Amino acid sequence: MTAICLLLAVPAWAAPSARELAVRLTLIPQSPGGGLADAPLLVAGEVPDAAFDACLDAQFATDDIASYLHSRACLSAARFAVWLYRFDEEDSANVELPSPVLVIAPDADGRFPLTAPAIVEGKLYGWQVVATIEGGAGQTVNVWSSLLYFRTAPAAAVAPELLSAEARELVTELLDATAMQRRARDGLAVSLRGMRLYGNYPSASDTYFCAPLIGGMDCPRHECRDGAGIAVPQLLKLGALMRAASRLWIDAAAGPVEEADLQELADEVYRLVNQWPEATRSAIGRKLSTLAAVAEKLTVPPPDVDAQPTSGLLSELLLAIDDLIGPGTIDGSPGYEQTFLAYAAATDARLHALELRRAELEAVLGGEEATRWVEYLRDQRAQLSLLAHEVERGRLSKAQLGQRVAEQAERARLTSDEEVRYLEGTSCHVALDRIRRLTATDTEQLARLSAETVRCYLLRLADSLWVSTP
């Protein structure tokens, strides 16, 4: 590492334009919501934070490491915001994008809360992420994600407390799980067809859009392995660190750098390392240790560092940050094996979470039907596990995996008139709306419609477990 750093003592590059940097960033919205035609209902005051992935492409067209690090510093220091849109006059067949009702910057924890008063009852909402990138000569360009949509419960609806606690929690979980599973299935379908999930497309202006590659598909979801990427809050902090280190690196090539500036940079590194979430620390512990070790060398007097120049230490720090950032928050180009294994693991977690709600299923659906659903969920988890085991052992080519997935989809296909009825149109949404409008005395109708809504989303979830065509 030291020998490499010595070669980087005098950085020289042609600063990339903002447009050149923009094609290296892909934004993928994850939740809440889904496509326009199948957006879940949410309670206005309980809409979760906007969650998205940022994929950084490392394949810059340059062999110059100095130019690469400068470009990465600009890219990783992008400023993110979430734009929230409200459609006051909804026409789901032809929705024009209105002006945003809220532009949300990250809070102190790097989260993007979707909050009132912008969110009210009985409306259709859309949201997307925008990243602003600064390039050479002070140029800026925006990168936009595709949109996710969700609806809030009608203003005239009765409070959801009319439902039993079991039914209310179960419906909420099924709304989220079904929307995520349907998009994950579409993402797996794209991967098995050998296509990239997302791509950036330039418009006539300096604005870039991230959009699905298959027409008619509602924003597929890209599952990723635990620990394969870093969370957005940490990405934002690393981006700020890389930008600060890059500026000092440039200054160090021209002359001495203030020790106070180096100490401040090192302190920021220590703070980030010490506050890294435990949930992902084990997967990248070595990289965090390397980052902290380089920061410590920045604060040691020069005679004790074997005369390694400050610019060399700063370049070493930049390389350590870049190694940690990797592709961003997700693995940008996973193979078909990794894609399926991530899909199987995420699907298994969703199905297992529903299994643990057996008591709620029994309370809403009755013991006999709840038992059938629990057995079904366990069987699908077992099928996923068996297939994942074969993929892990390298026993299946992409074509063979696609065929096996299609065969499983055929075995699990829902065909009865009653089941198909639940999979078409908006019957789930209508049923939930009717439940919210009932009074506390309508106990029999509440129970029947609660069961109908839960059954509807269970069937939709079941229909979204397997890709029907390879």
Protein backbone atom coordinates (compact mmCIF):
# COMPACT_ATOMS: atom_id res chain seq x y z
CA MET A 1 0.00 0.00 0.00
CA THR A 2 2.83 2.44 0.91
CA ALA A 3 4.53 2.04 -2.45
CA ILE A 4 1.30 2.84 -4.22
CA CYS A 5 0.74 5.88 -2.08
CA LEU A 6 4.19 7.25 -2.88
CA LEU A 7 3.29 7.15 -6.54
CA LEU A 8 0.24 9.29 -5.78
CA ALA A 9 2.15 12.11 -4.12
CA VAL A 10 1.39 14.59 -6.88
CA PRO A 11 -2.22 14.23 -8.04
CA ALA A 12 -2.90 15.21 -11.63
CA TRP A 13 -6.08 14.71 -13.61
CA ALA A 14 -8.63 16.21 -15.91
CA ALA A 15 -11.61 16.89 -13.66
CA PRO A 16 -14.61 14.84 -14.88
CA SER A 17 -17.73 16.67 -15.91
CA ALA A 18 -20.91 16.28 -13.90
CA ARG A 19 -22.49 14.50 -16.87
CA GLU A 20 -19.67 11.94 -16.95
CA LEU A 21 -20.17 11.30 -13.24
CA ALA A 22 -23.96 11.06 -13.48
CA VAL A 23 -23.92 7.89 -15.58
CA ARG A 24 -22.00 6.20 -12.74
CA LEU A 25 -24.82 6.53 -10.21
CA THR A 26 -28.03 4.51 -10.15
CA LEU A 27 -30.80 5.20 -7.62
CA ILE A 28 -33.25 2.41 -6.76
CA PRO A 29 -36.30 3.24 -4.59
CA GLN A 30 -37.21 0.38 -2.24
CA SER A 31 -40.14 1.33 0.01
CA PRO A 32 -42.84 2.36 0.84
CA GLY A 33 -45.15 1.71 -2.05
CA GLY A 34 -45.01 0.02 -5.41
CA GLY A 35 -46.41 0.51 -8.87
CA LEU A 36 -49.25 2.87 -9.71
CA ALA A 37 -51.65 0.02 -10.44
CA ASP A 38 -50.99 -1.86 -7.20
CA ALA A 39 -50.16 0.72 -4.55
CA PRO A 40 -50.88 -0.28 -0.94
CA LEU A 41 -53.02 1.74 1.44
CA LEU A 42 -51.26 3.33 4.39
CA VAL A 43 -52.46 5.32 7.39
CA ALA A 44 -51.47 8.95 6.80
CA GLY A 45 -49.72 9.36 10.14
CA GLU A 46 -47.87 6.02 9.91
CA VAL A 47 -46.10 6.21 6.54
CA PRO A 48 -42.55 4.83 7.02
CA ASP A 49 -39.36 6.61 5.98
CA ALA A 50 -38.40 6.55 2.31
CA ALA A 51 -35.78 3.86 1.72
CA PHE A 52 -33.63 3.58 -1.39
CA ASP A 53 -30.37 2.13 -2.69
CA ALA A 54 -27.54 4.02 -4.37
CA CYS A 55 -25.32 2.01 -6.70
CA LEU A 56 -21.89 3.51 -7.52
CA ASP A 57 -20.30 2.21 -10.71
CA ALA A 58 -16.56 1.69 -10.20
CA GLN A 59 -15.75 1.15 -13.88
CA PHE A 60 -14.47 4.61 -14.73
CA ALA A 61 -12.86 4.85 -18.18
CA THR A 62 -9.39 5.72 -16.89
CA ASP A 63 -6.20 4.00 -15.84
CA ASP A 64 -5.12 7.02 -13.80
CA ILE A 65 -5.66 6.23 -10.11
CA ALA A 66 -5.53 9.92 -9.19
CA SER A 67 -8.32 10.70 -11.65
CA TYR A 68 -10.29 7.71 -10.40
CA LEU A 69 -10.10 8.78 -6.76
CA HIS A 70 -11.06 12.34 -7.59
CA SER A 71 -14.06 11.09 -9.56
CA ARG A 72 -15.07 8.74 -6.75
CA ALA A 73 -14.81 11.57 -4.25
CA CYS A 74 -17.17 13.71 -6.34
CA LEU A 75 -19.59 10.83 -6.85
CA SER A 76 -19.67 9.62 -3.25
CA ALA A 77 -20.26 13.19 -2.03
CA ALA A 78 -23.53 13.49 -3.98
CA ARG A 79 -26.32 15.31 -2.12
CA PHE A 80 -29.52 13.27 -1.81
CA ALA A 81 -33.10 14.45 -1.40
CA VAL A 82 -36.52 12.79 -1.64
CA TRP A 83 -39.27 14.53 -3.60
CA LEU A 84 -42.85 13.77 -2.53
CA TYR A 85 -45.78 14.31 -4.92
CA ARG A 86 -49.50 14.37 -4.12
CA PHE A 87 -52.12 13.74 -6.80
CA ASP A 88 -55.13 15.75 -5.64
CA GLU A 89 -57.16 14.88 -8.75
CA GLU A 90 -56.27 11.25 -9.33
CA ASP A 91 -56.71 9.60 -12.70
CA SER A 92 -54.83 6.32 -12.46
CA ALA A 93 -55.05 5.81 -16.22
CA ASN A 94 -53.20 9.06 -16.99
CA VAL A 95 -51.33 10.54 -14.05
CA GLU A 96 -49.33 13.70 -14.70
CA LEU A 97 -46.58 14.49 -12.24
CA PRO A 98 -47.49 17.58 -10.18
CA SER A 99 -45.10 19.90 -8.39
CA PRO A 100 -43.65 18.32 -5.25
CA VAL A 101 -45.44 19.05 -2.00
CA LEU A 102 -42.29 18.29 -0.02
CA VAL A 103 -38.56 18.09 -0.72
CA ILE A 104 -36.94 16.08 2.06
CA ALA A 105 -33.27 16.36 2.99
CA PRO A 106 -31.68 13.68 5.19
CA ASP A 107 -32.09 14.18 8.93
CA ALA A 108 -29.23 13.88 11.43
CA ASP A 109 -29.38 10.07 11.15
CA GLY A 110 -29.42 10.03 7.34
CA ARG A 111 -33.12 9.09 7.17
CA PHE A 112 -35.76 10.59 4.87
CA PRO A 113 -39.06 10.79 6.80
CA LEU A 114 -42.33 11.03 4.85
CA THR A 115 -44.35 13.07 7.31
CA ALA A 116 -47.42 15.25 7.77
CA PRO A 117 -48.63 17.91 7.06
CA ALA A 118 -47.64 17.03 3.49
CA ILE A 119 -49.30 13.58 3.81
CA VAL A 120 -53.05 13.63 4.40
CA GLU A 121 -55.86 11.08 4.21
CA GLY A 122 -57.40 9.75 1.03
CA LYS A 123 -54.73 10.71 -1.53
CA LEU A 124 -52.43 9.05 -4.03
CA TYR A 125 -48.74 9.85 -3.48
CA GLY A 126 -45.58 9.29 -5.43
CA TRP A 127 -41.98 9.78 -4.39
CA GLN A 128 -38.54 9.58 -5.94
CA VAL A 129 -34.94 10.24 -5.00
CA VAL A 130 -32.79 12.92 -6.60
CA ALA A 131 -29.01 13.08 -6.25
CA THR A 132 -27.10 16.27 -7.08
CA ILE A 133 -23.53 15.70 -8.26
CA GLU A 134 -20.84 18.36 -8.61
CA GLY A 135 -18.24 17.86 -11.32
CA GLY A 136 -15.40 19.87 -12.79
CA ALA A 137 -15.62 23.66 -13.21
CA GLY A 138 -18.48 23.83 -10.70
CA GLN A 139 -20.92 21.96 -12.95
CA THR A 140 -23.83 20.15 -11.34
CA VAL A 141 -26.23 17.51 -12.62
CA ASN A 142 -29.18 15.66 -11.10
CA VAL A 143 -29.80 11.91 -11.17
CA TRP A 144 -33.40 10.83 -10.56
CA SER A 145 -34.85 7.50 -9.52
CA SER A 146 -38.07 6.06 -10.84
CA LEU A 147 -41.19 6.59 -8.71
CA LEU A 148 -42.96 4.51 -6.11
CA TYR A 149 -46.64 5.09 -5.32
CA PHE A 150 -48.85 4.58 -2.28
CA ARG A 151 -52.32 5.63 -1.17
CA THR A 152 -53.49 6.85 2.20
CA ALA A 153 -56.76 5.69 3.77
CA PRO A 154 -59.77 7.87 2.85
CA ALA A 155 -60.47 10.93 4.98
CA ALA A 156 -64.05 9.76 5.63
CA ALA A 157 -62.94 6.33 6.75
CA VAL A 158 -63.46 5.15 10.27
CA ALA A 159 -60.27 4.75 12.29
CA PRO A 160 -58.60 1.35 11.76
CA GLU A 161 -58.94 0.62 15.49
CA LEU A 162 -62.30 -0.89 14.54
CA LEU A 163 -60.36 -3.94 13.47
CA SER A 164 -59.00 -6.27 16.05
CA ALA A 165 -55.37 -5.71 16.94
CA GLU A 166 -54.49 -9.02 15.31
CA ALA A 167 -56.20 -8.18 12.03
CA ARG A 168 -54.83 -4.63 11.93
CA GLU A 169 -51.22 -5.73 12.42
CA LEU A 170 -51.62 -8.63 10.01
CA VAL A 171 -53.09 -6.47 7.24
CA THR A 172 -50.31 -3.88 7.69
CA GLU A 173 -47.60 -6.53 7.41
CA LEU A 174 -49.24 -8.18 4.42
CA LEU A 175 -49.57 -4.85 2.59
CA ASP A 176 -45.84 -4.27 2.91
CA ALA A 177 -44.74 -7.86 2.30
CA THR A 178 -46.92 -8.29 -0.79
CA ALA A 179 -45.75 -5.07 -2.44
CA MET A 180 -42.09 -5.89 -1.77
CA GLN A 181 -42.43 -9.51 -2.88
CA ARG A 182 -44.12 -8.67 -6.17
CA ARG A 183 -41.35 -6.20 -7.03
CA ALA A 184 -38.65 -8.66 -5.91
CA ARG A 185 -40.13 -11.33 -8.18
CA ASP A 186 -40.00 -8.91 -11.11
CA GLY A 187 -36.39 -8.10 -10.25
CA LEU A 188 -35.50 -11.81 -10.27
CA ALA A 189 -37.26 -12.20 -13.63
CA VAL A 190 -35.07 -9.45 -15.11
CA SER A 191 -31.92 -11.11 -13.77
CA LEU A 192 -32.84 -14.55 -15.14
CA ARG A 193 -33.38 -12.97 -18.55
CA GLY A 194 -29.80 -11.74 -18.44
CA MET A 195 -30.61 -8.03 -18.28
CA ARG A 196 -29.49 -5.32 -15.90
CA LEU A 197 -32.19 -4.29 -13.48
CA TYR A 198 -31.74 -0.55 -13.91
CA GLY A 199 -29.93 1.82 -16.28
CA ASN A 200 -29.42 5.57 -16.57
CA TYR A 201 -30.75 7.37 -19.63
CA PRO A 202 -29.80 10.96 -20.57
CA SER A 203 -32.57 13.34 -21.58
CA ALA A 204 -32.16 16.40 -23.77
CA SER A 205 -31.09 18.36 -20.70
CA ASP A 206 -28.59 17.66 -17.96
CA THR A 207 -31.11 15.52 -16.10
CA TYR A 208 -30.71 11.74 -15.94
CA PHE A 209 -33.40 9.24 -15.14
CA CYS A 210 -33.20 5.77 -13.65
CA ALA A 211 -35.94 3.51 -15.03
CA PRO A 212 -36.79 -0.18 -15.40
CA LEU A 213 -35.63 -1.78 -18.63
CA ILE A 214 -38.78 -3.82 -19.27
CA GLY A 215 -41.88 -1.93 -20.35
CA GLY A 216 -44.94 -2.29 -18.14
CA MET A 217 -43.01 -3.55 -15.15
CA ASP A 218 -43.64 -1.58 -11.96
CA CYS A 219 -40.22 -0.67 -10.59
CA PRO A 220 -38.64 -4.07 -9.82
CA ARG A 221 -36.92 -4.54 -6.48
CA HIS A 222 -33.30 -5.63 -6.30
CA GLU A 223 -32.67 -7.82 -3.27
CA CYS A 224 -29.14 -7.82 -1.86
CA ARG A 225 -27.19 -10.01 0.55
CA ASP A 226 -26.79 -8.95 4.16
CA GLY A 227 -23.56 -7.00 4.50
CA ALA A 228 -23.06 -6.72 0.73
CA GLY A 229 -23.46 -2.96 0.86
CA ILE A 230 -23.69 -0.14 3.33
CA ALA A 231 -26.69 1.83 4.51
CA VAL A 232 -27.46 5.27 3.09
CA PRO A 233 -26.60 7.14 6.36
CA GLN A 234 -23.10 5.65 6.34
CA LEU A 235 -22.73 6.29 2.62
CA LEU A 236 -23.50 9.98 3.19
CA LYS A 237 -20.89 10.22 5.95
CA LEU A 238 -18.27 8.40 3.90
CA GLY A 239 -18.98 10.69 0.97
CA ALA A 240 -18.31 13.74 3.15
CA LEU A 241 -15.09 12.13 4.43
CA MET A 242 -13.88 11.32 0.93
CA ARG A 243 -14.56 14.85 -0.29
CA ALA A 244 -12.70 16.35 2.70
CA ALA A 245 -9.75 13.99 2.24
CA SER A 246 -9.66 14.73 -1.50
CA ARG A 247 -9.43 18.48 -0.88
CA LEU A 248 -6.59 18.03 1.61
CA TRP A 249 -4.88 15.67 -0.83
CA ILE A 250 -4.87 18.41 -3.47
CA ASP A 251 -3.56 20.94 -0.93
CA ALA A 252 -0.80 18.55 0.17
CA ALA A 253 0.55 18.38 -3.38
CA ALA A 254 1.08 22.15 -3.34
CA GLY A 255 2.56 22.52 0.14
CA PRO A 256 2.24 21.71 3.86
CA VAL A 257 -1.20 20.95 5.30
CA GLU A 258 -2.30 22.30 8.67
CA GLU A 259 -2.03 19.70 11.43
CA ALA A 260 -5.37 20.87 12.81
CA ASP A 261 -7.05 19.98 9.50
CA LEU A 262 -5.52 16.49 9.57
CA GLN A 263 -6.60 16.02 13.19
CA GLU A 264 -10.15 17.10 12.36
CA LEU A 265 -10.28 14.63 9.46
CA ALA A 266 -8.95 11.83 11.68
CA ASP A 267 -11.52 12.65 14.37
CA GLU A 268 -14.33 12.36 11.81
CA VAL A 269 -13.01 8.94 10.79
CA TYR A 270 -12.87 7.75 14.42
CA ARG A 271 -16.41 9.02 15.02
CA LEU A 272 -17.74 7.17 11.97
CA VAL A 273 -15.99 3.91 12.87
CA ASN A 274 -17.11 4.00 16.51
CA GLN A 275 -20.73 4.72 15.56
CA TRP A 276 -20.99 2.12 12.78
CA PRO A 277 -24.19 0.01 13.20
CA GLU A 278 -23.57 -3.35 14.84
CA ALA A 279 -25.89 -5.02 12.34
CA THR A 280 -23.35 -4.63 9.52
CA ARG A 281 -20.09 -4.19 11.44
CA SER A 282 -19.06 -7.88 11.36
CA ALA A 283 -19.25 -8.06 7.56
CA ILE A 284 -16.80 -5.17 7.07
CA GLY A 285 -14.84 -5.22 10.34
CA ARG A 286 -11.48 -5.54 8.59
CA LYS A 287 -12.16 -2.56 6.33
CA LEU A 288 -13.22 -0.42 9.29
CA SER A 289 -10.04 -1.37 11.15
CA THR A 290 -7.93 -0.41 8.13
CA LEU A 291 -9.70 2.93 7.88
CA ALA A 292 -9.09 3.70 11.56
CA ALA A 293 -5.42 2.66 11.30
CA VAL A 294 -4.79 5.03 8.39
CA ALA A 295 -6.53 7.86 10.24
CA GLU A 296 -4.27 7.26 13.25
CA LYS A 297 -1.16 7.65 11.09
CA LEU A 298 -2.38 11.07 9.97
CA THR A 299 -2.00 12.39 13.52
CA VAL A 300 1.51 10.98 14.17
CA PRO A 301 4.42 13.48 13.80
CA PRO A 302 6.18 13.05 10.40
CA PRO A 303 9.51 11.66 11.77
CA ASP A 304 7.60 8.65 13.16
CA VAL A 305 6.01 7.72 9.84
CA ASP A 306 9.17 6.73 7.98
CA ALA A 307 9.08 10.02 6.07
CA GLN A 308 5.93 9.01 4.21
CA PRO A 309 4.54 12.26 2.77
CA THR A 310 1.19 13.60 3.89
CA SER A 311 -0.14 13.30 0.35
CA GLY A 312 0.73 9.59 0.42
CA LEU A 313 -1.14 9.11 3.69
CA LEU A 314 -4.15 10.96 2.34
CA SER A 315 -4.15 8.86 -0.82
CA GLU A 316 -4.01 5.76 1.39
CA LEU A 317 -7.02 7.09 3.30
CA LEU A 318 -8.89 7.72 0.05
CA LEU A 319 -8.22 4.16 -1.09
CA ALA A 320 -9.42 2.81 2.29
CA ILE A 321 -12.66 4.83 2.05
CA ASP A 322 -13.19 3.72 -1.54
CA ASP A 323 -12.68 0.09 -0.54
CA LEU A 324 -15.37 0.51 2.11
CA ILE A 325 -17.80 2.30 -0.17
CA GLY A 326 -17.46 -0.38 -2.85
CA PRO A 327 -20.49 -0.29 -5.13
CA GLY A 328 -22.55 1.81 -2.73
CA THR A 329 -25.48 0.46 -0.77
CA ILE A 330 -25.90 -2.68 -2.89
CA ASP A 331 -23.88 -5.03 -5.04
CA GLY A 332 -24.24 -3.34 -8.40
CA SER A 333 -23.52 -6.28 -10.71
CA PRO A 334 -24.25 -9.58 -8.95
CA GLY A 335 -24.21 -12.85 -10.86
CA TYR A 336 -27.36 -14.91 -11.23
CA GLU A 337 -26.34 -17.09 -8.28
CA GLN A 338 -25.97 -14.14 -5.92
CA THR A 339 -29.17 -12.60 -7.22
CA PHE A 340 -31.20 -15.74 -6.55
CA LEU A 341 -29.61 -16.41 -3.16
CA ALA A 342 -30.41 -12.85 -2.04
CA TYR A 343 -33.96 -13.22 -3.35
CA ALA A 344 -34.41 -16.57 -1.60
CA ALA A 345 -33.07 -15.24 1.71
CA ALA A 346 -35.29 -12.14 1.66
CA THR A 347 -38.36 -14.18 0.64
CA ASP A 348 -37.67 -16.73 3.38
CA ALA A 349 -37.50 -13.94 5.96
CA ARG A 350 -40.85 -12.53 4.84
CA LEU A 351 -42.55 -15.93 4.89
CA HIS A 352 -41.06 -16.82 8.27
CA ALA A 353 -42.33 -13.54 9.74
CA LEU A 354 -45.84 -14.53 8.67
CA GLU A 355 -45.44 -18.02 10.11
CA LEU A 356 -44.73 -16.42 13.48
CA ARG A 357 -48.12 -14.70 13.25
CA ARG A 358 -50.03 -17.97 13.38
CA ALA A 359 -52.10 -16.79 16.34
CA GLU A 360 -53.24 -13.72 14.39
CA LEU A 361 -53.97 -15.87 11.33
CA GLU A 362 -56.13 -18.17 13.45
CA ALA A 363 -57.97 -15.22 15.01
CA VAL A 364 -58.81 -13.73 11.59
CA LEU A 365 -59.17 -16.79 9.33
CA GLY A 366 -60.04 -19.56 11.77
CA GLY A 367 -57.86 -22.44 12.90
CA GLU A 368 -58.33 -24.78 9.94
CA GLU A 369 -57.55 -22.23 7.23
CA ALA A 370 -54.69 -20.73 9.27
CA THR A 371 -53.14 -24.20 9.53
CA ARG A 372 -53.33 -24.64 5.76
CA TRP A 373 -51.60 -21.31 5.20
CA VAL A 374 -48.84 -22.01 7.72
CA GLU A 375 -48.18 -25.38 6.07
CA TYR A 376 -48.11 -23.69 2.66
CA LEU A 377 -45.63 -21.06 3.84
CA ARG A 378 -43.37 -23.73 5.32
CA ASP A 379 -43.49 -25.79 2.13
CA GLN A 380 -42.54 -22.78 -0.02
CA ARG A 381 -39.67 -21.95 2.34
CA ALA A 382 -38.46 -25.55 2.05
CA GLN A 383 -38.61 -25.42 -1.75
CA LEU A 384 -36.65 -22.16 -1.79
CA SER A 385 -34.09 -23.59 0.61
CA LEU A 386 -33.53 -26.72 -1.50
CA LEU A 387 -33.08 -24.68 -4.65
CA ALA A 388 -30.78 -22.19 -2.91
CA HIS A 389 -28.63 -25.08 -1.66
CA GLU A 390 -28.17 -26.36 -5.22
CA VAL A 391 -27.29 -22.86 -6.44
CA GLU A 392 -24.75 -22.41 -3.63
CA ARG A 393 -23.04 -25.65 -4.64
CA GLY A 394 -22.81 -24.48 -8.26
CA ARG A 395 -25.05 -27.28 -9.50
CA LEU A 396 -27.28 -25.15 -11.76
CA SER A 397 -26.52 -22.97 -14.78
CA LYS A 398 -28.58 -19.83 -15.32
CA ALA A 399 -30.79 -21.64 -17.84
CA GLN A 400 -31.28 -24.58 -15.49
CA LEU A 401 -32.12 -22.27 -12.59
CA GLY A 402 -34.63 -20.40 -14.72
CA GLN A 403 -36.26 -23.68 -15.73
CA ARG A 404 -36.46 -24.91 -12.13
CA VAL A 405 -38.00 -21.64 -10.98
CA ALA A 406 -40.56 -21.81 -13.79
CA GLU A 407 -41.43 -25.40 -12.91
CA GLN A 408 -41.98 -24.46 -9.28
CA ALA A 409 -44.17 -21.55 -10.37
CA GLU A 410 -46.33 -23.95 -12.38
CA ARG A 411 -46.72 -26.30 -9.40
CA ALA A 412 -47.65 -23.42 -7.10
CA ARG A 413 -49.91 -21.64 -9.61
CA LEU A 414 -53.27 -20.40 -8.29
CA THR A 415 -56.06 -21.36 -10.67
CA SER A 416 -59.46 -21.37 -8.97
CA ASP A 417 -61.97 -18.65 -9.85
CA GLU A 418 -61.95 -17.42 -6.27
CA GLU A 419 -58.16 -17.16 -6.20
CA VAL A 420 -57.92 -15.42 -9.58
CA ARG A 421 -60.54 -12.91 -8.43
CA TYR A 422 -58.20 -11.80 -5.68
CA LEU A 423 -55.25 -11.44 -8.04
CA GLU A 424 -56.94 -9.08 -10.49
CA GLY A 425 -58.06 -5.50 -10.05
CA THR A 426 -58.10 -3.74 -6.69
CA SER A 427 -60.30 -6.04 -4.62
CA CYS A 428 -57.87 -5.91 -1.68
CA HIS A 429 -57.97 -2.14 -1.59
CA VAL A 430 -61.75 -2.05 -1.89
CA ALA A 431 -62.16 -4.53 0.95
CA LEU A 432 -59.83 -2.60 3.23
CA ASP A 433 -61.65 0.63 2.44
CA ARG A 434 -64.99 -1.01 3.32
CA ILE A 435 -63.58 -2.29 6.60
CA ARG A 436 -62.49 1.20 7.60
CA ARG A 437 -66.00 2.56 6.93
CA LEU A 438 -67.84 0.12 9.19
CA THR A 439 -68.97 0.97 12.70
CA ALA A 440 -67.98 -0.84 15.86
CA THR A 441 -71.38 -2.60 15.99
CA ASP A 442 -70.90 -4.30 12.61
CA THR A 443 -68.95 -7.15 14.19
CA GLU A 444 -70.00 -9.86 11.74
CA GLN A 445 -69.17 -7.78 8.67
CA LEU A 446 -65.91 -6.67 10.25
CA ALA A 447 -64.87 -10.26 10.82
CA ARG A 448 -65.86 -11.34 7.31
CA LEU A 449 -64.18 -8.44 5.53
CA SER A 450 -61.10 -8.69 7.72
CA ALA A 451 -60.74 -12.32 6.67
CA GLU A 452 -61.37 -11.42 3.02
CA THR A 453 -58.67 -8.77 3.06
CA VAL A 454 -56.10 -11.00 4.77
CA ARG A 455 -56.91 -13.87 2.42
CA CYS A 456 -56.58 -11.56 -0.58
CA TYR A 457 -53.07 -10.43 0.32
CA LEU A 458 -51.98 -13.93 1.27
CA LEU A 459 -53.01 -15.12 -2.19
CA ARG A 460 -51.23 -12.20 -3.85
CA LEU A 461 -48.13 -12.96 -1.84
CA ALA A 462 -48.31 -16.63 -2.84
CA ASP A 463 -48.66 -15.64 -6.49
CA SER A 464 -45.49 -13.53 -6.23
CA LEU A 465 -43.09 -16.17 -4.91
CA TRP A 466 -41.99 -17.67 -8.22
CA VAL A 467 -41.25 -16.27 -11.67
CA SER A 468 -43.61 -17.90 -14.15
CA THR A 469 -41.34 -17.63 -17.22
CA PRO A 470 -37.52 -17.94 -17.33
